């Protein structure tokens, strides 16, 4: 009993690739993505995507593809990101629901926003916003409305931006960090409209909240916007003060470049040309650093792609190895089962002599059956040889006919014409087929009878063709026996398969093998 339990575990455990395990892989991969462990995250996600795809777990497949795209987005590999977002979108549209569709649409919009393709970004954000509105997804409506506000600020459609931002705020009361981003977008909107006082008051109101949330990037942008507000007011001193506040926070390279450009401009306007030159040099250095970072990200992205290919190869090798081990395992199980059967048989041998005689009798019967099968195989081999000889003879006759027909004086030579007619009559002679049919029926008793009973629509040529096919002759050999081309032979095979009611010719021979 213990042995049986162990064997049962060995059978079940390789097959347990549960949906929960797939979801756990995705969750671990997302955690690795947040830690910027991109190779690990992508490896886990591709494994999860393959498992989900093979089991047709569409939700898990969508999550895997969407987060593969998120990895590439973080690596600045926007082309790869877009390709995987498209794959996730196809799964969402064909297998899931509009709520999943809008997630991908928003992600693609962010991708275009980063690429400064604001019209394309607007298009995708609007589609996502429309779906969220149809299904009354309030938080999603708020997020997408903020994204639209940011886009319309960039497109200088300031009234539209303001409209969407006002829609967003009441829906995001419990989403503090997203709400802060919306407030920044509104402050930027006031600034672009020229409402400097409203913009300044709004920024001063939410900067403490940014500090509490430790949103350094947003703090830098807020101080930079304050600097631009005071620059517009011609208050160069305070403008420079806020620009330095922004610089002190050490945000991303993109933000630092904007800050140094602002400081350079402010220093130039203050006649501090030395500082202006210094800041301008810093801008050049930072841009060079940003280029190196992007190059490094691209290198990292290519490295990740290489690692993925390597992982896929390892996965393929592991699959092959697993299949080989499974075969060995099944052989082992079969051997154990055989041993178990032999043990039972031996035990029953001791119970009764009558049972022993019965087993011996069954063994003798099997031997007789094997002898009959060997005899049948021998007869079929002889028939095959005979059929091949006929095929060879026909090929030879055809070659001779072709050679004779090539003579220029064939029409005027009556002897040659007579010879051609004699050769053709040999090709049309069906006496050899009748002889073959007698031997075939003897060797395969009942086959032709069963065939005719099951398929009365078959004609003589069809039965002849099937007989040759049953003997496993090739298309070339059968074509020679029928004195037709190989293409015509293939078409005849297709026609016969259709008569019998089979979907295609590949299943014809297995069907005939089981007919007798």
Protein backbone atom coordinates (compact mmCIF):
# COMPACT_ATOMS: atom_id res chain seq x y z
CA UNK A 1 0.00 0.00 0.00
CA UNK A 2 2.86 2.36 0.82
CA UNK A 3 4.51 1.60 -2.53
CA UNK A 4 1.23 2.37 -4.32
CA UNK A 5 0.95 5.72 -2.49
CA UNK A 6 4.50 6.71 -3.54
CA UNK A 7 3.80 5.74 -7.15
CA UNK A 8 0.57 7.79 -7.05
CA UNK A 9 2.49 10.86 -5.86
CA UNK A 10 5.05 10.40 -8.64
CA UNK A 11 2.25 10.31 -11.20
CA UNK A 12 0.32 13.28 -9.86
CA UNK A 13 3.09 15.70 -8.88
CA UNK A 14 4.49 16.39 -12.40
CA UNK A 15 0.98 17.16 -13.63
CA UNK A 16 0.11 19.67 -10.92
CA UNK A 17 0.79 22.96 -12.65
CA UNK A 18 -2.03 24.78 -10.92
CA UNK A 19 -3.46 28.19 -11.63
CA UNK A 20 -2.45 29.24 -8.10
CA UNK A 21 1.20 28.44 -8.88
CA UNK A 22 0.97 30.48 -12.09
CA UNK A 23 -0.51 33.43 -10.15
CA UNK A 24 2.25 33.13 -7.56
CA UNK A 25 4.86 33.30 -10.34
CA UNK A 26 3.26 36.50 -11.66
CA UNK A 27 3.12 38.08 -8.18
CA UNK A 28 6.78 37.26 -7.51
CA UNK A 29 7.69 38.72 -10.91
CA UNK A 30 5.80 41.96 -10.14
CA UNK A 31 7.70 42.28 -6.84
CA UNK A 32 10.98 41.79 -8.75
CA UNK A 33 9.87 44.50 -11.23
CA UNK A 34 9.31 46.96 -8.35
CA UNK A 35 12.83 46.13 -7.14
CA UNK A 36 14.15 46.73 -10.71
CA UNK A 37 15.29 43.11 -10.97
CA UNK A 38 14.30 43.00 -14.63
CA UNK A 39 15.93 39.71 -15.78
CA UNK A 40 14.39 37.81 -12.87
CA UNK A 41 10.99 39.44 -13.40
CA UNK A 42 10.97 38.72 -17.14
CA UNK A 43 12.10 35.13 -16.67
CA UNK A 44 9.26 34.46 -14.20
CA UNK A 45 6.69 36.25 -16.36
CA UNK A 46 7.65 34.37 -19.54
CA UNK A 47 7.42 31.08 -17.65
CA UNK A 48 3.99 32.10 -16.31
CA UNK A 49 2.87 33.25 -19.77
CA UNK A 50 3.86 29.89 -21.31
CA UNK A 51 2.00 27.97 -18.59
CA UNK A 52 -1.08 30.20 -18.87
CA UNK A 53 -1.08 29.96 -22.67
CA UNK A 54 -0.79 26.16 -22.66
CA UNK A 55 -3.73 25.87 -20.21
CA UNK A 56 -5.70 28.76 -21.81
CA UNK A 57 -5.81 30.71 -18.54
CA UNK A 58 -6.60 34.03 -20.19
CA UNK A 59 -6.52 36.25 -17.08
CA UNK A 60 -3.06 34.99 -16.10
CA UNK A 61 -1.85 35.24 -19.71
CA UNK A 62 -3.02 38.88 -19.83
CA UNK A 63 -1.30 39.76 -16.54
CA UNK A 64 1.95 38.11 -17.66
CA UNK A 65 2.01 39.92 -21.03
CA UNK A 66 1.06 43.29 -19.52
CA UNK A 67 3.84 43.07 -16.93
CA UNK A 68 6.38 41.87 -19.52
CA UNK A 69 5.55 45.12 -21.34
CA UNK A 70 5.94 47.07 -18.06
CA UNK A 71 9.44 45.62 -17.68
CA UNK A 72 10.43 46.78 -21.16
CA UNK A 73 8.89 50.19 -20.48
CA UNK A 74 11.10 50.56 -17.39
CA UNK A 75 14.10 49.55 -19.53
CA UNK A 76 13.17 52.25 -22.10
CA UNK A 77 12.65 49.49 -24.69
CA UNK A 78 9.45 51.11 -25.95
CA UNK A 79 9.23 49.00 -29.11
CA UNK A 80 9.27 45.73 -27.15
CA UNK A 81 6.88 47.25 -24.59
CA UNK A 82 4.38 48.23 -27.30
CA UNK A 83 4.57 44.75 -28.88
CA UNK A 84 3.71 43.04 -25.59
CA UNK A 85 1.00 45.59 -24.76
CA UNK A 86 -0.54 44.75 -28.14
CA UNK A 87 -0.44 41.01 -27.30
CA UNK A 88 -2.10 41.73 -23.92
CA UNK A 89 -4.69 43.91 -25.67
CA UNK A 90 -5.57 41.08 -28.08
CA UNK A 91 -6.11 38.69 -25.14
CA UNK A 92 -8.25 41.30 -23.33
CA UNK A 93 -10.44 42.00 -26.37
CA UNK A 94 -10.90 38.39 -27.52
CA UNK A 95 -11.04 36.53 -24.19
CA UNK A 96 -11.57 38.91 -21.25
CA UNK A 97 -13.53 42.12 -20.70
CA UNK A 98 -13.41 45.88 -21.45
CA UNK A 99 -12.02 46.57 -17.95
CA UNK A 100 -8.84 44.74 -18.92
CA UNK A 101 -8.84 46.41 -22.32
CA UNK A 102 -8.82 49.90 -20.75
CA UNK A 103 -5.79 49.02 -18.60
CA UNK A 104 -3.73 48.30 -21.71
CA UNK A 105 -5.06 51.37 -23.53
CA UNK A 106 -3.95 53.57 -20.62
CA UNK A 107 -0.50 51.91 -20.55
CA UNK A 108 -0.04 52.52 -24.27
CA UNK A 109 -1.10 56.13 -23.75
CA UNK A 110 1.62 56.54 -21.07
CA UNK A 111 4.12 55.06 -23.51
CA UNK A 112 3.27 57.67 -26.15
CA UNK A 113 3.24 60.44 -23.51
CA UNK A 114 6.84 59.55 -22.56
CA UNK A 115 7.74 59.64 -26.27
CA UNK A 116 6.19 63.16 -26.42
CA UNK A 117 3.64 61.95 -28.98
CA UNK A 118 0.81 63.75 -27.25
CA UNK A 119 -1.90 63.35 -29.91
CA UNK A 120 -1.48 59.54 -29.89
CA UNK A 121 -1.43 59.58 -26.09
CA UNK A 122 -4.66 61.62 -26.07
CA UNK A 123 -6.34 59.05 -28.34
CA UNK A 124 -5.52 56.09 -26.07
CA UNK A 125 -6.32 57.93 -22.82
CA UNK A 126 -9.72 58.93 -24.25
CA UNK A 127 -10.54 55.32 -25.18
CA UNK A 128 -9.59 54.13 -21.69
CA UNK A 129 -11.60 56.98 -20.11
CA UNK A 130 -14.68 56.10 -22.20
CA UNK A 131 -14.62 52.44 -21.12
CA UNK A 132 -14.10 53.38 -17.46
CA UNK A 133 -17.09 55.75 -17.70
CA UNK A 134 -19.30 53.08 -19.29
CA UNK A 135 -18.60 50.68 -16.41
CA UNK A 136 -18.60 53.41 -13.71
CA UNK A 137 -15.04 52.52 -12.56
CA UNK A 138 -14.68 55.65 -10.44
CA UNK A 139 -11.00 55.39 -9.47
CA UNK A 140 -10.05 54.51 -13.06
CA UNK A 141 -12.12 57.44 -14.35
CA UNK A 142 -10.16 59.72 -12.00
CA UNK A 143 -6.75 58.34 -13.04
CA UNK A 144 -7.51 58.56 -16.76
CA UNK A 145 -8.97 62.06 -16.32
CA UNK A 146 -5.67 63.21 -14.73
CA UNK A 147 -3.73 61.66 -17.62
CA UNK A 148 -5.96 63.55 -20.05
CA UNK A 149 -5.37 66.75 -18.06
CA UNK A 150 -1.60 66.32 -18.35
CA UNK A 151 -1.86 65.64 -22.09
CA UNK A 152 -4.10 68.63 -22.75
CA UNK A 153 -1.69 70.86 -20.82
CA UNK A 154 1.04 69.73 -23.23
CA UNK A 155 -1.26 70.31 -26.23
CA UNK A 156 -2.22 73.76 -24.83
CA UNK A 157 -5.90 72.79 -24.67
CA UNK A 158 -6.09 74.33 -21.24
CA UNK A 159 -9.88 74.51 -20.80
CA UNK A 160 -10.19 70.82 -21.66
CA UNK A 161 -7.39 69.98 -19.25
CA UNK A 162 -9.10 71.95 -16.46
CA UNK A 163 -12.42 70.20 -17.18
CA UNK A 164 -10.96 66.70 -16.84
CA UNK A 165 -8.97 67.58 -13.72
CA UNK A 166 -12.11 68.86 -11.97
CA UNK A 167 -13.80 65.54 -12.82
CA UNK A 168 -10.90 63.61 -11.32
CA UNK A 169 -10.52 65.22 -7.89
CA UNK A 170 -13.79 64.07 -6.22
CA UNK A 171 -13.16 60.49 -7.42
CA UNK A 172 -9.65 60.21 -5.95
CA UNK A 173 -10.14 61.31 -2.35
CA UNK A 174 -8.80 57.96 -1.09
CA UNK A 175 -5.93 57.86 -3.62
CA UNK A 176 -3.68 60.52 -2.08
CA UNK A 177 -0.57 60.10 -4.25
CA UNK A 178 -2.54 60.13 -7.51
CA UNK A 179 -4.53 63.12 -6.27
CA UNK A 180 -1.27 65.02 -5.65
CA UNK A 181 -0.23 64.40 -9.25
CA UNK A 182 -3.59 65.80 -10.32
CA UNK A 183 -3.07 68.90 -8.18
CA UNK A 184 0.30 69.47 -9.83
CA UNK A 185 -1.38 69.16 -13.25
CA UNK A 186 -3.97 71.76 -12.14
CA UNK A 187 -1.23 74.11 -10.90
CA UNK A 188 0.55 73.74 -14.25
CA UNK A 189 -2.76 74.47 -15.96
CA UNK A 190 -3.22 77.72 -13.95
CA UNK A 191 0.36 78.74 -14.79
CA UNK A 192 -0.12 78.13 -18.52
CA UNK A 193 -3.33 80.17 -18.40
CA UNK A 194 -1.50 83.02 -16.67
CA UNK A 195 -3.33 82.57 -13.36
CA UNK A 196 -0.07 82.88 -11.44
CA UNK A 197 -1.57 83.55 -8.03
CA UNK A 198 -3.86 80.49 -8.17
CA UNK A 199 -0.97 78.34 -9.35
CA UNK A 200 1.31 79.59 -6.54
CA UNK A 201 -1.31 79.09 -3.82
CA UNK A 202 -2.11 75.59 -5.02
CA UNK A 203 1.56 74.53 -5.09
CA UNK A 204 2.26 75.98 -1.63
CA UNK A 205 -0.77 74.06 -0.34
CA UNK A 206 0.28 70.63 -1.56
CA UNK A 207 4.10 70.80 -1.26
CA UNK A 208 3.94 69.73 2.44
CA UNK A 209 1.83 66.76 1.39
CA UNK A 210 4.47 65.83 -1.19
CA UNK A 211 7.12 65.94 1.54
CA UNK A 212 5.07 63.69 3.81
CA UNK A 213 4.56 61.20 0.97
CA UNK A 214 8.31 61.35 0.14
CA UNK A 215 7.50 62.05 -3.51
CA UNK A 216 10.88 63.66 -4.29
CA UNK A 217 10.34 63.74 -8.06
CA UNK A 218 7.05 65.61 -7.69
CA UNK A 219 8.58 67.99 -5.12
CA UNK A 220 11.32 68.91 -7.62
CA UNK A 221 8.73 69.56 -10.34
CA UNK A 222 6.62 71.65 -7.94
CA UNK A 223 9.57 73.87 -6.94
CA UNK A 224 10.60 74.21 -10.58
CA UNK A 225 7.09 75.35 -11.45
CA UNK A 226 7.22 77.89 -8.59
CA UNK A 227 10.52 79.15 -10.03
CA UNK A 228 8.89 79.68 -13.43
CA UNK A 229 5.96 81.49 -11.78
CA UNK A 230 8.32 83.98 -10.09
CA UNK A 231 10.34 84.31 -13.28
CA UNK A 232 7.13 85.34 -15.04
CA UNK A 233 6.59 87.89 -12.23
CA UNK A 234 10.16 89.18 -12.84
CA UNK A 235 11.08 88.20 -9.28
CA UNK A 236 14.45 86.73 -10.31
CA UNK A 237 15.73 86.29 -6.78
CA UNK A 238 12.85 84.09 -5.60
CA UNK A 239 12.77 82.31 -8.96
CA UNK A 240 16.42 81.36 -8.45
CA UNK A 241 15.75 80.39 -4.82
CA UNK A 242 13.01 77.91 -5.80
CA UNK A 243 15.12 76.55 -8.66
CA UNK A 244 17.88 75.83 -6.14
CA UNK A 245 15.32 74.20 -3.83
CA UNK A 246 14.36 71.93 -6.71
CA UNK A 247 18.02 71.18 -7.43
CA UNK A 248 18.69 70.37 -3.76
CA UNK A 249 16.19 67.46 -3.90
CA UNK A 250 18.23 65.66 -6.61
CA UNK A 251 15.42 64.24 -8.72
CA UNK A 252 15.82 62.24 -11.92
CA UNK A 253 18.27 63.27 -14.66
CA UNK A 254 15.40 64.60 -16.78
CA UNK A 255 14.26 66.91 -13.95
CA UNK A 256 17.83 67.98 -13.15
CA UNK A 257 18.39 68.98 -16.78
CA UNK A 258 15.25 71.16 -16.65
CA UNK A 259 16.42 72.67 -13.33
CA UNK A 260 19.91 73.52 -14.65
CA UNK A 261 18.41 75.02 -17.80
CA UNK A 262 16.20 77.21 -15.59
CA UNK A 263 19.15 78.19 -13.37
CA UNK A 264 21.25 79.00 -16.43
CA UNK A 265 18.47 81.20 -17.83
CA UNK A 266 17.94 82.96 -14.47
CA UNK A 267 21.69 83.58 -14.01
CA UNK A 268 21.95 84.97 -17.53
CA UNK A 269 19.08 87.38 -16.92
CA UNK A 270 20.74 88.42 -13.64
CA UNK A 271 23.97 89.19 -15.59
CA UNK A 272 25.73 86.37 -13.72
CA UNK A 273 27.31 85.01 -16.91
CA UNK A 274 29.84 82.82 -15.13
CA UNK A 275 27.13 80.94 -13.23
CA UNK A 276 25.02 80.78 -16.39
CA UNK A 277 27.92 79.16 -18.26
CA UNK A 278 28.51 76.75 -15.37
CA UNK A 279 24.87 75.69 -15.32
CA UNK A 280 24.86 75.40 -19.11
CA UNK A 281 27.93 73.13 -18.89
CA UNK A 282 26.11 71.11 -16.24
CA UNK A 283 23.20 70.71 -18.66
CA UNK A 284 25.58 69.32 -21.29
CA UNK A 285 27.15 66.97 -18.75
CA UNK A 286 23.74 65.80 -17.51
CA UNK A 287 22.49 65.23 -21.05
CA UNK A 288 25.60 63.19 -21.71
CA UNK A 289 24.92 61.25 -18.48
CA UNK A 290 21.29 60.76 -19.54
CA UNK A 291 22.46 59.44 -22.90
CA UNK A 292 24.82 57.02 -21.13
CA UNK A 293 22.00 55.92 -18.80
CA UNK A 294 19.71 55.31 -21.78
CA UNK A 295 22.49 53.46 -23.55
CA UNK A 296 23.04 51.41 -20.43
CA UNK A 297 19.30 50.74 -20.23
CA UNK A 298 19.29 49.69 -23.87
CA UNK A 299 22.27 47.43 -23.18
CA UNK A 300 20.44 46.05 -20.15
CA UNK A 301 17.35 45.58 -22.31
CA UNK A 302 19.34 43.69 -24.94
CA UNK A 303 20.99 41.66 -22.20
CA UNK A 304 17.56 40.82 -20.82
CA UNK A 305 16.41 39.78 -24.30
CA UNK A 306 19.44 37.52 -24.60
CA UNK A 307 18.73 36.07 -21.16
CA UNK A 308 15.12 35.47 -22.21
CA UNK A 309 16.23 33.60 -25.33
CA UNK A 310 18.60 31.59 -23.17
CA UNK A 311 15.83 30.92 -20.69
CA UNK A 312 13.47 29.82 -23.48
CA UNK A 313 16.17 27.45 -24.74
CA UNK A 314 16.68 26.09 -21.23
CA UNK A 315 12.91 25.72 -20.88
CA UNK A 316 12.79 23.78 -24.14
CA UNK A 317 15.70 21.57 -23.03
CA UNK A 318 14.04 21.02 -19.66
CA UNK A 319 10.81 20.07 -21.40
CA UNK A 320 12.64 17.52 -23.53
CA UNK A 321 14.44 16.21 -20.48
CA UNK A 322 11.16 16.02 -18.56
CA UNK A 323 9.52 14.10 -21.41
CA UNK A 324 12.43 11.67 -21.49
CA UNK A 325 12.24 11.20 -17.72
CA UNK A 326 8.49 10.72 -17.98
CA UNK A 327 9.00 7.97 -20.55
CA UNK A 328 11.44 6.25 -18.20
CA UNK A 329 8.95 6.74 -15.40
CA UNK A 330 6.14 5.17 -17.41
CA UNK A 331 8.40 2.25 -18.32
CA UNK A 332 9.15 1.82 -14.64
CA UNK A 333 5.45 1.90 -13.79
CA UNK A 334 4.79 -0.62 -16.57
CA UNK A 335 7.55 -2.87 -15.23
CA UNK A 336 6.12 -2.65 -11.70
CA UNK A 337 2.66 -3.42 -13.05
CA UNK A 338 4.07 -6.36 -15.01
CA UNK A 339 5.86 -7.68 -11.94
CA UNK A 340 2.65 -7.32 -9.98
CA UNK A 341 0.73 -9.25 -12.61
CA UNK A 342 3.39 -11.96 -12.72
CA UNK A 343 3.25 -12.25 -8.93
CA UNK A 344 -0.53 -12.65 -9.04
CA UNK A 345 -0.19 -15.18 -11.83
CA UNK A 346 2.40 -17.17 -9.84
CA UNK A 347 0.20 -17.08 -6.75
CA UNK A 348 -2.79 -18.33 -8.70
CA UNK A 349 -0.61 -21.13 -10.12
CA UNK A 350 -0.33 -22.56 -6.61
CA UNK A 351 -4.09 -22.45 -6.05
CA UNK A 352 -5.22 -24.81 -8.72
CA UNK A 353 -3.78 -27.11 -11.39
CA UNK A 354 -6.83 -26.39 -13.45
CA UNK A 355 -5.90 -22.71 -13.51
CA UNK A 356 -2.39 -23.67 -14.55
CA UNK A 357 -3.74 -25.71 -17.47
CA UNK A 358 -5.96 -22.78 -18.44
CA UNK A 359 -2.99 -20.42 -18.49
CA UNK A 360 -0.95 -22.90 -20.55
CA UNK A 361 -3.89 -23.28 -22.92
CA UNK A 362 -4.17 -19.52 -23.30
CA UNK A 363 -0.43 -19.35 -23.97
CA UNK A 364 -0.73 -22.02 -26.66
CA UNK A 365 -3.59 -20.07 -28.21
CA UNK A 366 -1.47 -16.93 -28.29
CA UNK A 367 1.35 -18.86 -29.94
CA UNK A 368 -1.04 -20.12 -32.59
CA UNK A 369 -2.28 -16.60 -33.15
CA UNK A 370 1.31 -15.40 -33.52
CA UNK A 371 1.99 -18.21 -36.00
CA UNK A 372 -1.10 -17.24 -37.96
CA UNK A 373 -0.03 -13.61 -37.91
CA UNK A 374 3.46 -14.58 -39.09
CA UNK A 375 1.95 -16.70 -41.85
CA UNK A 376 -0.32 -13.80 -42.86
CA UNK A 377 2.65 -11.43 -42.85
CA UNK A 378 4.65 -13.88 -44.99
CA UNK A 379 1.84 -14.12 -47.55
CA UNK A 380 1.47 -10.36 -47.64
CA UNK A 381 5.22 -10.00 -48.19
CA UNK A 382 4.99 -12.37 -51.16
CA UNK A 383 2.04 -10.40 -52.53
CA UNK A 384 3.97 -7.18 -52.09
CA UNK A 385 6.96 -8.58 -53.96
CA UNK A 386 4.64 -9.75 -56.74
CA UNK A 387 2.93 -6.36 -56.93
CA UNK A 388 6.31 -4.62 -57.05
CA UNK A 389 7.42 -6.91 -59.86
CA UNK A 390 4.27 -5.97 -61.79
CA UNK A 391 5.00 -2.30 -61.07
CA UNK A 392 8.60 -2.71 -62.29
CA UNK A 393 7.35 -4.50 -65.41
CA UNK A 394 4.88 -1.69 -66.11
CA UNK A 395 7.57 0.93 -65.63
CA UNK A 396 9.83 -0.95 -68.03
CA UNK A 397 7.03 -1.29 -70.62
CA UNK A 398 6.30 2.42 -70.31
CA UNK A 399 9.97 3.26 -70.83
CA UNK A 400 10.10 1.00 -73.90
CA UNK A 401 6.92 2.59 -75.28
CA UNK A 402 8.39 6.06 -74.76
CA UNK A 403 11.61 5.02 -76.49
CA UNK A 404 9.73 3.56 -79.49
CA UNK A 405 7.47 6.62 -79.76
CA UNK A 406 10.56 8.80 -80.09
CA UNK A 407 11.48 7.15 -83.40
CA UNK A 408 10.89 9.48 -86.33
CA UNK A 409 9.64 6.79 -88.75
CA UNK A 410 7.11 5.30 -86.32
CA UNK A 411 4.10 6.24 -88.46
CA UNK A 412 5.53 4.54 -91.55
CA UNK A 413 6.80 1.41 -89.79
CA UNK A 414 3.97 -1.11 -89.39
CA UNK A 415 6.12 -3.51 -87.36
CA UNK A 416 6.86 -0.88 -84.80
CA UNK A 417 3.18 0.09 -84.65
CA UNK A 418 2.24 -3.52 -84.07
CA UNK A 419 4.85 -3.77 -81.31
CA UNK A 420 3.43 -0.65 -79.62
CA UNK A 421 -0.07 -2.13 -79.65
CA UNK A 422 1.18 -5.39 -78.17
CA UNK A 423 3.00 -3.54 -75.38
CA UNK A 424 -0.08 -1.45 -74.62
CA UNK A 425 -2.23 -4.60 -74.45
CA UNK A 426 0.21 -5.95 -71.87
CA UNK A 427 -0.24 -2.79 -69.82
CA UNK A 428 -4.03 -3.15 -69.96
CA UNK A 429 -3.99 -6.85 -69.15
CA UNK A 430 -5.90 -7.43 -65.88
CA UNK A 431 -5.16 -11.16 -65.63
CA UNK A 432 -2.31 -10.48 -63.22
CA UNK A 433 -4.71 -8.48 -61.02
CA UNK A 434 -7.22 -11.34 -60.90
CA UNK A 435 -4.46 -13.71 -59.87
CA UNK A 436 -3.24 -11.19 -57.30
CA UNK A 437 -6.81 -10.78 -55.96
CA UNK A 438 -7.16 -14.52 -55.30
CA UNK A 439 -3.93 -14.62 -53.31
CA UNK A 440 -4.75 -11.40 -51.47
CA UNK A 441 -8.14 -12.79 -50.33
CA UNK A 442 -6.45 -15.96 -49.12
CA UNK A 443 -3.85 -14.00 -47.16
CA UNK A 444 -6.30 -11.43 -45.75
CA UNK A 445 -9.48 -13.43 -45.36
CA UNK A 446 -12.54 -11.31 -44.79
CA UNK A 447 -10.87 -7.92 -45.48
CA UNK A 448 -12.40 -7.32 -48.92
CA UNK A 449 -15.78 -8.67 -47.76
CA UNK A 450 -15.88 -6.27 -44.80
CA UNK A 451 -14.73 -3.41 -47.03
CA UNK A 452 -17.48 -4.01 -49.59
CA UNK A 453 -20.16 -4.39 -46.91
CA UNK A 454 -19.21 -1.16 -45.14
CA UNK A 455 -18.62 0.83 -48.33
CA UNK A 456 -20.76 -0.52 -51.21
CA UNK A 457 -20.12 2.63 -53.27
CA UNK A 458 -16.49 1.58 -53.94
CA UNK A 459 -15.86 0.35 -57.48
CA UNK A 460 -13.38 -2.30 -58.67
CA UNK A 461 -10.55 0.18 -59.23
CA UNK A 462 -11.13 1.66 -55.77
CA UNK A 463 -10.88 -1.80 -54.18
CA UNK A 464 -7.76 -2.53 -56.18
CA UNK A 465 -6.22 0.75 -55.06
CA UNK A 466 -7.14 0.08 -51.41
CA UNK A 467 -5.60 -3.41 -51.60
CA UNK A 468 -2.27 -1.98 -52.73
CA UNK A 469 -2.49 0.73 -50.11
CA UNK A 470 -3.25 -1.87 -47.40
CA UNK A 471 0.00 -3.61 -48.42
CA UNK A 472 1.78 -0.30 -47.68
CA UNK A 473 2.91 0.33 -51.27
CA UNK A 474 4.09 3.87 -52.07
CA UNK A 475 2.23 6.34 -54.28
CA UNK A 476 4.91 5.90 -56.94
CA UNK A 477 4.54 2.10 -56.93
CA UNK A 478 0.71 2.23 -57.02
CA UNK A 479 0.82 4.79 -59.86
CA UNK A 480 3.02 2.44 -61.86
CA UNK A 481 0.60 -0.47 -61.27
CA UNK A 482 -2.33 1.65 -62.49
CA UNK A 483 -0.31 3.14 -65.37
CA UNK A 484 -1.17 6.68 -64.19
CA UNK A 485 0.79 9.71 -62.95
CA UNK A 486 1.66 10.18 -59.28
CA UNK A 487 -0.55 13.31 -59.10
CA UNK A 488 -3.49 11.33 -60.48
CA UNK A 489 -2.73 8.62 -57.93
CA UNK A 490 -2.82 11.14 -55.06
CA UNK A 491 -6.14 12.55 -56.28
CA UNK A 492 -7.57 9.04 -56.44
CA UNK A 493 -6.42 8.47 -52.86
CA UNK A 494 -8.18 11.69 -51.78
CA UNK A 495 -11.36 10.68 -53.63
CA UNK A 496 -11.40 7.23 -51.98
CA UNK A 497 -10.87 8.79 -48.52
CA UNK A 498 -13.85 11.07 -49.20
CA UNK A 499 -15.99 8.09 -50.31
CA UNK A 500 -15.18 6.24 -47.12
CA UNK A 501 -16.03 9.35 -45.09
CA UNK A 502 -12.57 10.17 -43.71
CA UNK A 503 -11.48 13.78 -43.11
CA UNK A 504 -8.17 13.40 -45.00
CA UNK A 505 -5.85 10.82 -46.56
CA UNK A 506 -3.57 10.62 -43.51
CA UNK A 507 -6.20 8.61 -41.62
CA UNK A 508 -6.88 6.19 -44.51
CA UNK A 509 -4.16 3.60 -43.79
CA UNK A 510 -4.88 3.40 -39.99
CA UNK A 511 -8.58 2.94 -40.82
CA UNK A 512 -7.82 0.09 -43.25
CA UNK A 513 -5.47 -1.56 -40.72
CA UNK A 514 -8.34 -1.87 -38.22
CA UNK A 515 -10.91 -3.03 -40.78
CA UNK A 516 -10.09 -6.76 -40.87
